[in-house]
């Protein structure tokens, strides 16, 4: 069970990082720094 929990946390962190990167990219495209 611990492996499943760890894998889930890693997956969520990757998704969260991707969302933050996407937001930063859209901000830079629109000229916001």
PDB file of N, CA and C in Angstrom:
ATOM      1  N   UNK A   1       0.842  -1.212   0.000  1.00  0.00           N
ATOM      2  CA  UNK A   1       0.000   0.000   0.000  1.00  0.00           C
ATOM      3  C   UNK A   1       0.874   1.258   0.000  1.00  0.00           C
ATOM      4  N   UNK A   2       2.001   1.215   0.735  1.00  0.00           N
ATOM      5  CA  UNK A   2       2.870   2.396   0.796  1.00  0.00           C
ATOM      6  C   UNK A   2       3.365   2.782  -0.591  1.00  0.00           C
ATOM      7  N   UNK A   3       3.685   1.782  -1.423  1.00  0.00           N
ATOM      8  CA  UNK A   3       4.174   2.088  -2.768  1.00  0.00           C
ATOM      9  C   UNK A   3       3.111   2.806  -3.577  1.00  0.00           C
ATOM     10  N   UNK A   4       1.848   2.410  -3.409  1.00  0.00           N
ATOM     11  CA  UNK A   4       0.758   3.056  -4.147  1.00  0.00           C
ATOM     12  C   UNK A   4       0.620   4.508  -3.698  1.00  0.00           C
ATOM     13  N   UNK A   5       0.713   4.733  -2.395  1.00  0.00           N
ATOM     14  CA  UNK A   5       0.584   6.098  -1.862  1.00  0.00           C
ATOM     15  C   UNK A   5       1.724   6.966  -2.378  1.00  0.00           C
ATOM     16  N   UNK A   6       2.944   6.437  -2.340  1.00  0.00           N
ATOM     17  CA  UNK A   6       4.108   7.199  -2.812  1.00  0.00           C
ATOM     18  C   UNK A   6       3.958   7.515  -4.293  1.00  0.00           C
ATOM     19  N   UNK A   7       3.529   6.528  -5.082  1.00  0.00           N
ATOM     20  CA  UNK A   7       3.356   6.744  -6.518  1.00  0.00           C
ATOM     21  C   UNK A   7       2.304   7.810  -6.770  1.00  0.00           C
ATOM     22  N   UNK A   8       1.237   7.798  -5.973  1.00  0.00           N
ATOM     23  CA  UNK A   8       0.177   8.802  -6.138  1.00  0.00           C
ATOM     24  C   UNK A   8       0.698  10.192  -5.825  1.00  0.00           C
ATOM     25  N   UNK A   9       1.473  10.311  -4.739  1.00  0.00           N
ATOM     26  CA  UNK A   9       2.016  11.623  -4.369  1.00  0.00           C
ATOM     27  C   UNK A   9       2.959  12.139  -5.444  1.00  0.00           C
ATOM     28  N   UNK A  10       3.788  11.250  -5.992  1.00  0.00           N
ATOM     29  CA  UNK A  10       4.714  11.660  -7.058  1.00  0.00           C
ATOM     30  C   UNK A  10       3.922  12.107  -8.278  1.00  0.00           C
ATOM     31  N   UNK A  11       2.871  11.366  -8.621  1.00  0.00           N
ATOM     32  CA  UNK A  11       2.041  11.724  -9.771  1.00  0.00           C
ATOM     33  C   UNK A  11       1.393  13.078  -9.576  1.00  0.00           C
ATOM     34  N   UNK A  12       0.877  13.330  -8.382  1.00  0.00           N
ATOM     35  CA  UNK A  12       0.226  14.618  -8.114  1.00  0.00           C
ATOM     36  C   UNK A  12       1.233  15.755  -8.178  1.00  0.00           C
ATOM     37  N   UNK A  13       2.434  15.521  -7.677  1.00  0.00           N
ATOM     38  CA  UNK A  13       3.453  16.579  -7.697  1.00  0.00           C
ATOM     39  C   UNK A  13       3.852  16.899  -9.131  1.00  0.00           C
ATOM     40  N   UNK A  14       3.927  15.853  -9.983  1.00  0.00           N
ATOM     41  CA  UNK A  14       4.272  16.084 -11.391  1.00  0.00           C
ATOM     42  C   UNK A  14       3.164  16.873 -12.074  1.00  0.00           C
ATOM     43  N   UNK A  15       1.915  16.509 -11.803  1.00  0.00           N
ATOM     44  CA  UNK A  15       0.784  17.222 -12.405  1.00  0.00           C
ATOM     45  C   UNK A  15       0.764  18.666 -11.927  1.00  0.00           C
ATOM     46  N   UNK A  16       1.007  18.868 -10.630  1.00  0.00           N
ATOM     47  CA  UNK A  16       1.008  20.223 -10.078  1.00  0.00           C
ATOM     48  C   UNK A  16       2.107  21.069 -10.689  1.00  0.00           C
ATOM     49  N   UNK A  17       3.293  20.479 -10.838  1.00  0.00           N
ATOM     50  CA  UNK A  17       4.406  21.217 -11.443  1.00  0.00           C
ATOM     51  C   UNK A  17       4.080  21.570 -12.882  1.00  0.00           C
ATOM     52  N   UNK A  18       3.456  20.642 -13.607  1.00  0.00           N
ATOM     53  CA  UNK A  18       3.079  20.901 -14.995  1.00  0.00           C
ATOM     54  C   UNK A  18       2.071  22.027 -15.091  1.00  0.00           C
ATOM     55  N   UNK A  19       1.113  22.063 -14.162  1.00  0.00           N
ATOM     56  CA  UNK A  19       0.091  23.116 -14.184  1.00  0.00           C
ATOM     57  C   UNK A  19       0.728  24.468 -13.907  1.00  0.00           C
ATOM     58  N   UNK A  20       1.654  24.510 -12.948  1.00  0.00           N
ATOM     59  CA  UNK A  20       2.334  25.772 -12.622  1.00  0.00           C
ATOM     60  C   UNK A  20       3.159  26.237 -13.821  1.00  0.00           C
ATOM     61  N   UNK A  21       3.839  25.304 -14.482  1.00  0.00           N
ATOM     62  CA  UNK A  21       4.643  25.663 -15.648  1.00  0.00           C
ATOM     63  C   UNK A  21       3.752  26.183 -16.765  1.00  0.00           C
ATOM     64  N   UNK A  22       2.592  25.566 -16.956  1.00  0.00           N
ATOM     65  CA  UNK A  22       1.664  26.003 -18.001  1.00  0.00           C
ATOM     66  C   UNK A  22       1.165  27.409 -17.703  1.00  0.00           C
ATOM     67  N   UNK A  23       0.850  27.683 -16.431  1.00  0.00           N
ATOM     68  CA  UNK A  23       0.389  29.020 -16.051  1.00  0.00           C
ATOM     69  C   UNK A  23       1.489  30.047 -16.281  1.00  0.00           C
ATOM     70  N   UNK A  24       2.708  29.718 -15.911  1.00  0.00           N
ATOM     71  CA  UNK A  24       3.827  30.641 -16.105  1.00  0.00           C
ATOM     72  C   UNK A  24       4.032  30.888 -17.594  1.00  0.00           C
ATOM     73  N   UNK A  25       3.890  29.849 -18.407  1.00  0.00           N
ATOM     74  CA  UNK A  25       4.061  30.001 -19.847  1.00  0.00           C
ATOM     75  C   UNK A  25       2.995  30.897 -20.435  1.00  0.00           C
ATOM     76  N   UNK A  26       1.752  30.748 -20.005  1.00  0.00           N
ATOM     77  CA  UNK A  26       0.673  31.582 -20.539  1.00  0.00           C
ATOM     78  C   UNK A  26       0.860  33.027 -20.102  1.00  0.00           C
ATOM     79  N   UNK A  27       1.358  33.233 -18.883  1.00  0.00           N
ATOM     80  CA  UNK A  27       1.597  34.599 -18.402  1.00  0.00           C
ATOM     81  C   UNK A  27       2.678  35.267 -19.254  1.00  0.00           C
ATOM     82  N   UNK A  28       3.747  34.525 -19.549  1.00  0.00           N
ATOM     83  CA  UNK A  28       4.838  35.113 -20.331  1.00  0.00           C
ATOM     84  C   UNK A  28       4.363  35.400 -21.748  1.00  0.00           C
ATOM     85  N   UNK A  29       3.486  34.569 -22.280  1.00  0.00           N
ATOM     86  CA  UNK A  29       2.961  34.786 -23.628  1.00  0.00           C
ATOM     87  C   UNK A  29       2.152  36.074 -23.664  1.00  0.00           C
ATOM     88  N   UNK A  30       1.404  36.337 -22.592  1.00  0.00           N
ATOM     89  CA  UNK A  30       0.562  37.534 -22.555  1.00  0.00           C
ATOM     90  C   UNK A  30       1.336  38.775 -22.117  1.00  0.00           C
ATOM     91  N   UNK A  31       2.616  38.597 -21.771  1.00  0.00           N
ATOM     92  CA  UNK A  31       3.443  39.748 -21.439  1.00  0.00           C
ATOM     93  C   UNK A  31       3.521  40.037 -19.953  1.00  0.00           C
ATOM     94  N   UNK A  32       2.966  39.149 -19.113  1.00  0.00           N
ATOM     95  CA  UNK A  32       3.069  39.366 -17.667  1.00  0.00           C
ATOM     96  C   UNK A  32       4.321  38.684 -17.158  1.00  0.00           C
ATOM     97  N   UNK A  33       5.051  39.325 -16.258  1.00  0.00           N
ATOM     98  CA  UNK A  33       6.277  38.737 -15.742  1.00  0.00           C
ATOM     99  C   UNK A  33       6.142  38.459 -14.259  1.00  0.00           C
TER     100      UNK A  33
END
